[in-house]
Amino acid sequence: MIAQRTGELHAAVERLKQAKHDCPDPVERANLSEQLRKADESFVAELQRTLDDLLPEAFATVREASRRLVGSESWSPATR
């Protein structure tokens, strides 16, 4: 799910990094640097949204695994 939602943005960041690295023209490199900054911000923002969306499911999965490991129906720090 993470790769599905962020894959294109990550690929764009990587392409811009390579283009900037390969560019001999300082003016064009500065332009690529600005494009890279914006693309990286977009990637990080989408990655954060994706992780935030996954958090409840991840928490529930860990909670269920812990419950099964301990062997009780409900788990609360106050009861342990």
Protein backbone atom coordinates (compact mmCIF):
# COMPACT_ATOMS: atom_id res chain seq x y z
CA MET A 1 0.00 0.00 0.00
CA ILE A 2 2.81 2.43 0.81
CA ALA A 3 4.55 1.79 -2.51
CA GLN A 4 1.25 2.06 -4.38
CA ARG A 5 0.53 5.48 -2.93
CA THR A 6 4.05 6.92 -2.96
CA GLY A 7 5.82 5.01 -5.73
CA GLU A 8 5.35 7.57 -8.49
CA LEU A 9 6.43 10.44 -6.25
CA HIS A 10 9.47 8.49 -5.07
CA ALA A 11 10.41 7.68 -8.67
CA ALA A 12 10.10 11.36 -9.60
CA VAL A 13 12.40 12.33 -6.73
CA GLU A 14 14.96 9.74 -7.82
CA ARG A 15 14.80 10.90 -11.46
CA LEU A 16 15.34 14.50 -10.42
CA LYS A 17 18.26 13.53 -8.17
CA GLN A 18 19.92 11.73 -11.06
CA ALA A 19 19.21 14.58 -13.50
CA LYS A 20 20.67 17.10 -11.07
CA HIS A 21 23.73 14.93 -10.52
CA ASP A 22 24.30 14.55 -14.26
CA CYS A 23 23.66 18.19 -15.19
CA PRO A 24 26.78 20.23 -16.01
CA ASP A 25 24.93 23.58 -16.36
CA PRO A 26 24.78 25.47 -13.03
CA VAL A 27 21.61 27.36 -13.98
CA GLU A 28 19.80 24.19 -14.99
CA ARG A 29 21.13 22.44 -11.87
CA ALA A 30 19.60 25.21 -9.73
CA ASN A 31 16.29 24.73 -11.54
CA LEU A 32 16.47 20.97 -10.99
CA SER A 33 17.30 21.57 -7.34
CA GLU A 34 14.10 23.58 -6.90
CA GLN A 35 12.05 20.92 -8.69
CA LEU A 36 13.67 18.27 -6.49
CA ARG A 37 12.81 20.22 -3.33
CA LYS A 38 9.15 20.46 -4.34
CA ALA A 39 8.97 16.81 -5.40
CA ASP A 40 10.58 15.72 -2.13
CA GLU A 41 8.09 17.78 -0.11
CA SER A 42 5.22 16.15 -2.01
CA PHE A 43 6.68 12.69 -1.45
CA VAL A 44 7.16 13.25 2.29
CA ALA A 45 3.65 14.67 2.68
CA GLU A 46 2.06 11.71 0.87
CA LEU A 47 4.19 9.26 2.82
CA GLN A 48 3.04 10.85 6.09
CA ARG A 49 -0.62 10.70 5.03
CA THR A 50 -0.21 7.06 4.04
CA LEU A 51 1.43 6.12 7.33
CA ASP A 52 -1.26 7.99 9.25
CA ASP A 53 -3.93 6.04 7.35
CA LEU A 54 -2.21 2.73 8.16
CA LEU A 55 -1.66 3.43 11.85
CA PRO A 56 -5.04 2.26 13.19
CA GLU A 57 -4.82 -1.05 11.31
CA ALA A 58 -1.21 -1.60 12.41
CA PHE A 59 -2.15 -0.88 16.02
CA ALA A 60 -5.08 -3.29 15.85
CA THR A 61 -2.86 -5.99 14.37
CA VAL A 62 -0.26 -5.62 17.10
CA ARG A 63 -2.96 -5.54 19.77
CA GLU A 64 -4.52 -8.75 18.42
CA ALA A 65 -1.15 -10.50 18.16
CA SER A 66 -0.33 -9.47 21.73
CA ARG A 67 -3.70 -10.69 22.95
CA ARG A 68 -3.16 -14.06 21.32
CA LEU A 69 0.37 -14.30 22.65
CA VAL A 70 -0.72 -13.55 26.20
CA GLY A 71 -3.82 -15.74 25.81
CA SER A 72 -6.38 -13.36 27.22
CA GLU A 73 -9.49 -11.85 25.70
CA SER A 74 -8.63 -8.28 26.57
CA TRP A 75 -5.41 -6.64 27.50
CA SER A 76 -4.96 -3.54 29.58
CA PRO A 77 -1.76 -2.23 31.19
CA ALA A 78 -3.73 -1.76 34.42
CA THR A 79 -4.46 -5.49 34.67
CA ARG A 80 -0.88 -6.63 34.11
